[in-house]
Amino acid sequence: MSEDRSRDQDQERPRTPRCPLCGKPRVQRFRPFCSARCRDVDLGRWFAASYAVPAVEPGYDEDADED
């Protein structure tokens, strides 16, 4: 029965938003990060183009290159 109570309490307690880089609780001033360091690391990743979605050009056919 005590397991049911602890499970119910966990569900009722709001989760603290976490920093997407390190997982520490976020700070409103640096939202969504926990510090200026994590914010700057993320910005550096954007500048270095580390965040990218791989894509294939539509209509590209590898067999056409073999002729």
PDB file of N, CA and C in Angstrom:
ATOM      1  N   MET A   1       0.820  -1.194   0.000  1.00  0.00           N
ATOM      2  CA  MET A   1       0.000   0.000   0.000  1.00  0.00           C
ATOM      3  C   MET A   1       0.868   1.264   0.000  1.00  0.00           C
ATOM      4  N   SER A   2       2.005   1.229   0.652  1.00  0.00           N
ATOM      5  CA  SER A   2       2.880   2.402   0.680  1.00  0.00           C
ATOM      6  C   SER A   2       3.441   2.691  -0.709  1.00  0.00           C
ATOM      7  N   GLU A   3       3.590   1.655  -1.545  1.00  0.00           N
ATOM      8  CA  GLU A   3       4.060   1.865  -2.916  1.00  0.00           C
ATOM      9  C   GLU A   3       3.056   2.686  -3.712  1.00  0.00           C
ATOM     10  N   ASP A   4       1.755   2.435  -3.496  1.00  0.00           N
ATOM     11  CA  ASP A   4       0.720   3.184  -4.202  1.00  0.00           C
ATOM     12  C   ASP A   4       0.760   4.654  -3.803  1.00  0.00           C
ATOM     13  N   ARG A   5       0.973   4.923  -2.538  1.00  0.00           N
ATOM     14  CA  ARG A   5       1.035   6.309  -2.075  1.00  0.00           C
ATOM     15  C   ARG A   5       2.228   7.031  -2.679  1.00  0.00           C
ATOM     16  N   SER A   6       3.403   6.403  -2.671  1.00  0.00           N
ATOM     17  CA  SER A   6       4.585   7.071  -3.213  1.00  0.00           C
ATOM     18  C   SER A   6       4.438   7.298  -4.716  1.00  0.00           C
ATOM     19  N   ARG A   7       3.815   6.369  -5.424  1.00  0.00           N
ATOM     20  CA  ARG A   7       3.577   6.529  -6.858  1.00  0.00           C
ATOM     21  C   ARG A   7       2.626   7.690  -7.110  1.00  0.00           C
ATOM     22  N   ASP A   8       1.564   7.821  -6.301  1.00  0.00           N
ATOM     23  CA  ASP A   8       0.616   8.911  -6.444  1.00  0.00           C
ATOM     24  C   ASP A   8       1.285  10.250  -6.150  1.00  0.00           C
ATOM     25  N   GLN A   9       2.151  10.298  -5.152  1.00  0.00           N
ATOM     26  CA  GLN A   9       2.836  11.539  -4.802  1.00  0.00           C
ATOM     27  C   GLN A   9       3.783  11.953  -5.917  1.00  0.00           C
ATOM     28  N   ASP A  10       4.460  10.992  -6.550  1.00  0.00           N
ATOM     29  CA  ASP A  10       5.363  11.313  -7.647  1.00  0.00           C
ATOM     30  C   ASP A  10       4.602  11.900  -8.832  1.00  0.00           C
ATOM     31  N   GLN A  11       3.407  11.401  -9.083  1.00  0.00           N
ATOM     32  CA  GLN A  11       2.616  11.896 -10.197  1.00  0.00           C
ATOM     33  C   GLN A  11       2.060  13.285  -9.918  1.00  0.00           C
ATOM     34  N   GLU A  12       1.797  13.606  -8.664  1.00  0.00           N
ATOM     35  CA  GLU A  12       1.235  14.899  -8.316  1.00  0.00           C
ATOM     36  C   GLU A  12       2.293  15.994  -8.286  1.00  0.00           C
ATOM     37  N   ARG A  13       3.522  15.643  -7.975  1.00  0.00           N
ATOM     38  CA  ARG A  13       4.594  16.612  -7.858  1.00  0.00           C
ATOM     39  C   ARG A  13       5.005  17.090  -9.243  1.00  0.00           C
ATOM     40  N   PRO A  14       4.985  18.419  -9.480  1.00  0.00           N
ATOM     41  CA  PRO A  14       5.396  18.893 -10.804  1.00  0.00           C
ATOM     42  C   PRO A  14       6.894  18.683 -11.004  1.00  0.00           C
ATOM     43  N   ARG A  15       7.268  18.305 -12.210  1.00  0.00           N
ATOM     44  CA  ARG A  15       8.678  18.076 -12.506  1.00  0.00           C
ATOM     45  C   ARG A  15       9.362  19.418 -12.766  1.00  0.00           C
ATOM     46  N   THR A  16      10.575  19.529 -12.261  1.00  0.00           N
ATOM     47  CA  THR A  16      11.355  20.724 -12.483  1.00  0.00           C
ATOM     48  C   THR A  16      11.952  20.659 -13.882  1.00  0.00           C
ATOM     49  N   PRO A  17      11.755  21.688 -14.692  1.00  0.00           N
ATOM     50  CA  PRO A  17      12.353  21.664 -16.027  1.00  0.00           C
ATOM     51  C   PRO A  17      13.871  21.567 -15.929  1.00  0.00           C
ATOM     52  N   ARG A  18      14.459  20.810 -16.820  1.00  0.00           N
ATOM     53  CA  ARG A  18      15.899  20.550 -16.790  1.00  0.00           C
ATOM     54  C   ARG A  18      16.593  21.179 -17.991  1.00  0.00           C
ATOM     55  N   CYS A  19      17.865  21.457 -17.812  1.00  0.00           N
ATOM     56  CA  CYS A  19      18.724  21.979 -18.876  1.00  0.00           C
ATOM     57  C   CYS A  19      18.866  20.895 -19.949  1.00  0.00           C
ATOM     58  N   PRO A  20      18.675  21.225 -21.217  1.00  0.00           N
ATOM     59  CA  PRO A  20      18.779  20.212 -22.261  1.00  0.00           C
ATOM     60  C   PRO A  20      20.208  19.694 -22.482  1.00  0.00           C
ATOM     61  N   LEU A  21      21.217  20.408 -21.998  1.00  0.00           N
ATOM     62  CA  LEU A  21      22.596  19.968 -22.202  1.00  0.00           C
ATOM     63  C   LEU A  21      23.120  19.122 -21.055  1.00  0.00           C
ATOM     64  N   CYS A  22      22.945  19.593 -19.816  1.00  0.00           N
ATOM     65  CA  CYS A  22      23.571  18.882 -18.700  1.00  0.00           C
ATOM     66  C   CYS A  22      22.567  18.225 -17.757  1.00  0.00           C
ATOM     67  N   GLY A  23      21.299  18.599 -17.837  1.00  0.00           N
ATOM     68  CA  GLY A  23      20.285  17.970 -17.006  1.00  0.00           C
ATOM     69  C   GLY A  23      20.068  18.608 -15.640  1.00  0.00           C
ATOM     70  N   LYS A  24      20.805  19.662 -15.335  1.00  0.00           N
ATOM     71  CA  LYS A  24      20.594  20.362 -14.065  1.00  0.00           C
ATOM     72  C   LYS A  24      19.302  21.170 -14.150  1.00  0.00           C
ATOM     73  N   PRO A  25      18.732  21.543 -12.998  1.00  0.00           N
ATOM     74  CA  PRO A  25      17.522  22.373 -13.040  1.00  0.00           C
ATOM     75  C   PRO A  25      17.798  23.690 -13.766  1.00  0.00           C
ATOM     76  N   ARG A  26      16.865  24.107 -14.595  1.00  0.00           N
ATOM     77  CA  ARG A  26      17.081  25.330 -15.357  1.00  0.00           C
ATOM     78  C   ARG A  26      16.895  26.566 -14.489  1.00  0.00           C
ATOM     79  N   VAL A  27      17.508  27.649 -14.931  1.00  0.00           N
ATOM     80  CA  VAL A  27      17.440  28.934 -14.243  1.00  0.00           C
ATOM     81  C   VAL A  27      16.688  29.887 -15.163  1.00  0.00           C
ATOM     82  N   GLN A  28      15.745  30.616 -14.622  1.00  0.00           N
ATOM     83  CA  GLN A  28      14.895  31.498 -15.424  1.00  0.00           C
ATOM     84  C   GLN A  28      15.719  32.480 -16.259  1.00  0.00           C
ATOM     85  N   ARG A  29      16.796  32.988 -15.702  1.00  0.00           N
ATOM     86  CA  ARG A  29      17.618  33.975 -16.404  1.00  0.00           C
ATOM     87  C   ARG A  29      18.231  33.409 -17.690  1.00  0.00           C
ATOM     88  N   PHE A  30      18.571  32.133 -17.693  1.00  0.00           N
ATOM     89  CA  PHE A  30      19.225  31.499 -18.834  1.00  0.00           C
ATOM     90  C   PHE A  30      18.311  30.511 -19.554  1.00  0.00           C
ATOM     91  N   ARG A  31      17.025  30.590 -19.323  1.00  0.00           N
ATOM     92  CA  ARG A  31      16.047  29.647 -19.826  1.00  0.00           C
ATOM     93  C   ARG A  31      16.251  29.341 -21.293  1.00  0.00           C
ATOM     94  N   PRO A  32      16.266  28.152 -21.765  1.00  0.00           N
ATOM     95  CA  PRO A  32      15.960  26.890 -21.098  1.00  0.00           C
ATOM     96  C   PRO A  32      17.178  26.207 -20.485  1.00  0.00           C
ATOM     97  N   PHE A  33      18.279  26.939 -20.323  1.00  0.00           N
ATOM     98  CA  PHE A  33      19.506  26.347 -19.802  1.00  0.00           C
ATOM     99  C   PHE A  33      19.669  26.660 -18.319  1.00  0.00           C
ATOM    100  N   CYS A  34      20.694  26.050 -17.710  1.00  0.00           N
ATOM    101  CA  CYS A  34      20.937  26.248 -16.284  1.00  0.00           C
ATOM    102  C   CYS A  34      21.964  27.341 -16.029  1.00  0.00           C
ATOM    103  N   SER A  35      22.754  27.682 -17.041  1.00  0.00           N
ATOM    104  CA  SER A  35      23.826  28.659 -16.842  1.00  0.00           C
ATOM    105  C   SER A  35      24.216  29.285 -18.174  1.00  0.00           C
ATOM    106  N   ALA A  36      25.022  30.339 -18.065  1.00  0.00           N
ATOM    107  CA  ALA A  36      25.535  30.993 -19.265  1.00  0.00           C
ATOM    108  C   ALA A  36      26.446  30.035 -20.033  1.00  0.00           C
ATOM    109  N   ARG A  37      27.156  29.174 -19.320  1.00  0.00           N
ATOM    110  CA  ARG A  37      28.045  28.222 -19.973  1.00  0.00           C
ATOM    111  C   ARG A  37      27.266  27.301 -20.900  1.00  0.00           C
ATOM    112  N   CYS A  38      26.190  26.692 -20.399  1.00  0.00           N
ATOM    113  CA  CYS A  38      25.393  25.781 -21.236  1.00  0.00           C
ATOM    114  C   CYS A  38      24.761  26.533 -22.400  1.00  0.00           C
ATOM    115  N   ARG A  39      24.334  27.752 -22.156  1.00  0.00           N
ATOM    116  CA  ARG A  39      23.754  28.572 -23.228  1.00  0.00           C
ATOM    117  C   ARG A  39      24.792  28.820 -24.321  1.00  0.00           C
ATOM    118  N   ASP A  40      26.033  29.146 -23.912  1.00  0.00           N
ATOM    119  CA  ASP A  40      27.091  29.430 -24.875  1.00  0.00           C
ATOM    120  C   ASP A  40      27.546  28.168 -25.612  1.00  0.00           C
ATOM    121  N   VAL A  41      27.565  27.033 -24.933  1.00  0.00           N
ATOM    122  CA  VAL A  41      27.907  25.772 -25.592  1.00  0.00           C
ATOM    123  C   VAL A  41      26.881  25.476 -26.683  1.00  0.00           C
ATOM    124  N   ASP A  42      25.615  25.665 -26.391  1.00  0.00           N
ATOM    125  CA  ASP A  42      24.565  25.433 -27.374  1.00  0.00           C
ATOM    126  C   ASP A  42      24.705  26.392 -28.556  1.00  0.00           C
ATOM    127  N   LEU A  43      24.986  27.648 -28.286  1.00  0.00           N
ATOM    128  CA  LEU A  43      25.168  28.625 -29.354  1.00  0.00           C
ATOM    129  C   LEU A  43      26.347  28.233 -30.236  1.00  0.00           C
ATOM    130  N   GLY A  44      27.425  27.770 -29.626  1.00  0.00           N
ATOM    131  CA  GLY A  44      28.581  27.309 -30.389  1.00  0.00           C
ATOM    132  C   GLY A  44      28.243  26.138 -31.283  1.00  0.00           C
ATOM    133  N   ARG A  45      27.383  25.255 -30.812  1.00  0.00           N
ATOM    134  CA  ARG A  45      26.960  24.119 -31.637  1.00  0.00           C
ATOM    135  C   ARG A  45      26.152  24.591 -32.839  1.00  0.00           C
ATOM    136  N   TRP A  46      25.325  25.621 -32.645  1.00  0.00           N
ATOM    137  CA  TRP A  46      24.570  26.162 -33.779  1.00  0.00           C
ATOM    138  C   TRP A  46      25.523  26.787 -34.793  1.00  0.00           C
ATOM    139  N   PHE A  47      26.510  27.558 -34.311  1.00  0.00           N
ATOM    140  CA  PHE A  47      27.464  28.204 -35.213  1.00  0.00           C
ATOM    141  C   PHE A  47      28.300  27.179 -35.976  1.00  0.00           C
ATOM    142  N   ALA A  48      28.607  26.052 -35.348  1.00  0.00           N
ATOM    143  CA  ALA A  48      29.415  25.012 -35.985  1.00  0.00           C
ATOM    144  C   ALA A  48      28.570  24.087 -36.866  1.00  0.00           C
ATOM    145  N   ALA A  49      27.282  24.358 -36.948  1.00  0.00           N
ATOM    146  CA  ALA A  49      26.343  23.560 -37.740  1.00  0.00           C
ATOM    147  C   ALA A  49      26.284  22.113 -37.246  1.00  0.00           C
ATOM    148  N   SER A  50      26.429  21.928 -35.946  1.00  0.00           N
ATOM    149  CA  SER A  50      26.320  20.587 -35.366  1.00  0.00           C
ATOM    150  C   SER A  50      24.881  20.093 -35.370  1.00  0.00           C
ATOM    151  N   TYR A  51      23.940  21.033 -35.349  1.00  0.00           N
ATOM    152  CA  TYR A  51      22.535  20.662 -35.383  1.00  0.00           C
ATOM    153  C   TYR A  51      22.091  20.703 -36.843  1.00  0.00           C
ATOM    154  N   ALA A  52      21.897  19.537 -37.421  1.00  0.00           N
ATOM    155  CA  ALA A  52      21.466  19.467 -38.812  1.00  0.00           C
ATOM    156  C   ALA A  52      20.612  18.232 -39.004  1.00  0.00           C
ATOM    157  N   VAL A  53      19.680  18.341 -39.919  1.00  0.00           N
ATOM    158  CA  VAL A  53      18.830  17.215 -40.269  1.00  0.00           C
ATOM    159  C   VAL A  53      19.317  16.698 -41.619  1.00  0.00           C
ATOM    160  N   PRO A  54      19.785  15.458 -41.667  1.00  0.00           N
ATOM    161  CA  PRO A  54      20.250  14.943 -42.956  1.00  0.00           C
ATOM    162  C   PRO A  54      19.081  14.814 -43.933  1.00  0.00           C
ATOM    163  N   ALA A  55      19.348  15.170 -45.158  1.00  0.00           N
ATOM    164  CA  ALA A  55      18.283  15.121 -46.160  1.00  0.00           C
ATOM    165  C   ALA A  55      18.842  14.605 -47.481  1.00  0.00           C
ATOM    166  N   VAL A  56      17.978  14.031 -48.271  1.00  0.00           N
ATOM    167  CA  VAL A  56      18.319  13.574 -49.615  1.00  0.00           C
ATOM    168  C   VAL A  56      17.537  14.444 -50.579  1.00  0.00           C
ATOM    169  N   GLU A  57      18.222  14.930 -51.600  1.00  0.00           N
ATOM    170  CA  GLU A  57      17.558  15.770 -52.578  1.00  0.00           C
ATOM    171  C   GLU A  57      16.446  14.987 -53.268  1.00  0.00           C
ATOM    172  N   PRO A  58      15.259  15.545 -53.416  1.00  0.00           N
ATOM    173  CA  PRO A  58      14.177  14.845 -54.107  1.00  0.00           C
ATOM    174  C   PRO A  58      14.510  14.673 -55.586  1.00  0.00           C
ATOM    175  N   GLY A  59      14.212  13.509 -56.099  1.00  0.00           N
ATOM    176  CA  GLY A  59      14.433  13.231 -57.503  1.00  0.00           C
ATOM    177  C   GLY A  59      15.830  12.741 -57.813  1.00  0.00           C
ATOM    178  N   TYR A  60      16.692  12.635 -56.836  1.00  0.00           N
ATOM    179  CA  TYR A  60      18.052  12.159 -57.071  1.00  0.00           C
ATOM    180  C   TYR A  60      18.026  10.655 -57.237  1.00  0.00           C
ATOM    181  N   ASP A  61      18.661  10.161 -58.291  1.00  0.00           N
ATOM    182  CA  ASP A  61      18.678   8.737 -58.566  1.00  0.00           C
ATOM    183  C   ASP A  61      20.131   8.290 -58.759  1.00  0.00           C
ATOM    184  N   GLU A  62      20.632   7.433 -57.895  1.00  0.00           N
ATOM    185  CA  GLU A  62      22.019   6.993 -57.956  1.00  0.00           C
ATOM    186  C   GLU A  62      22.277   6.152 -59.205  1.00  0.00           C
ATOM    187  N   ASP A  63      21.286   5.451 -59.710  1.00  0.00           N
ATOM    188  CA  ASP A  63      21.464   4.608 -60.897  1.00  0.00           C
ATOM    189  C   ASP A  63      21.748   5.454 -62.130  1.00  0.00           C
ATOM    190  N   ALA A  64      21.281   6.677 -62.206  1.00  0.00           N
ATOM    191  CA  ALA A  64      21.489   7.538 -63.365  1.00  0.00           C
ATOM    192  C   ALA A  64      22.960   7.892 -63.517  1.00  0.00           C
ATOM    193  N   ASP A  65      23.738   7.907 -62.437  1.00  0.00           N
ATOM    194  CA  ASP A  65      25.149   8.251 -62.492  1.00  0.00           C
ATOM    195  C   ASP A  65      25.983   7.142 -63.096  1.00  0.00           C
ATOM    196  N   GLU A  66      25.511   5.924 -63.125  1.00  0.00           N
ATOM    197  CA  GLU A  66      26.280   4.782 -63.597  1.00  0.00           C
ATOM    198  C   GLU A  66      26.378   4.714 -65.121  1.00  0.00           C
ATOM    199  N   ASP A  67      25.516   5.371 -65.858  1.00  0.00           N
ATOM    200  CA  ASP A  67      25.498   5.300 -67.331  1.00  0.00           C
ATOM    201  C   ASP A  67      26.658   5.987 -67.929  1.00  0.00           C
TER     202      ASP A  67
END
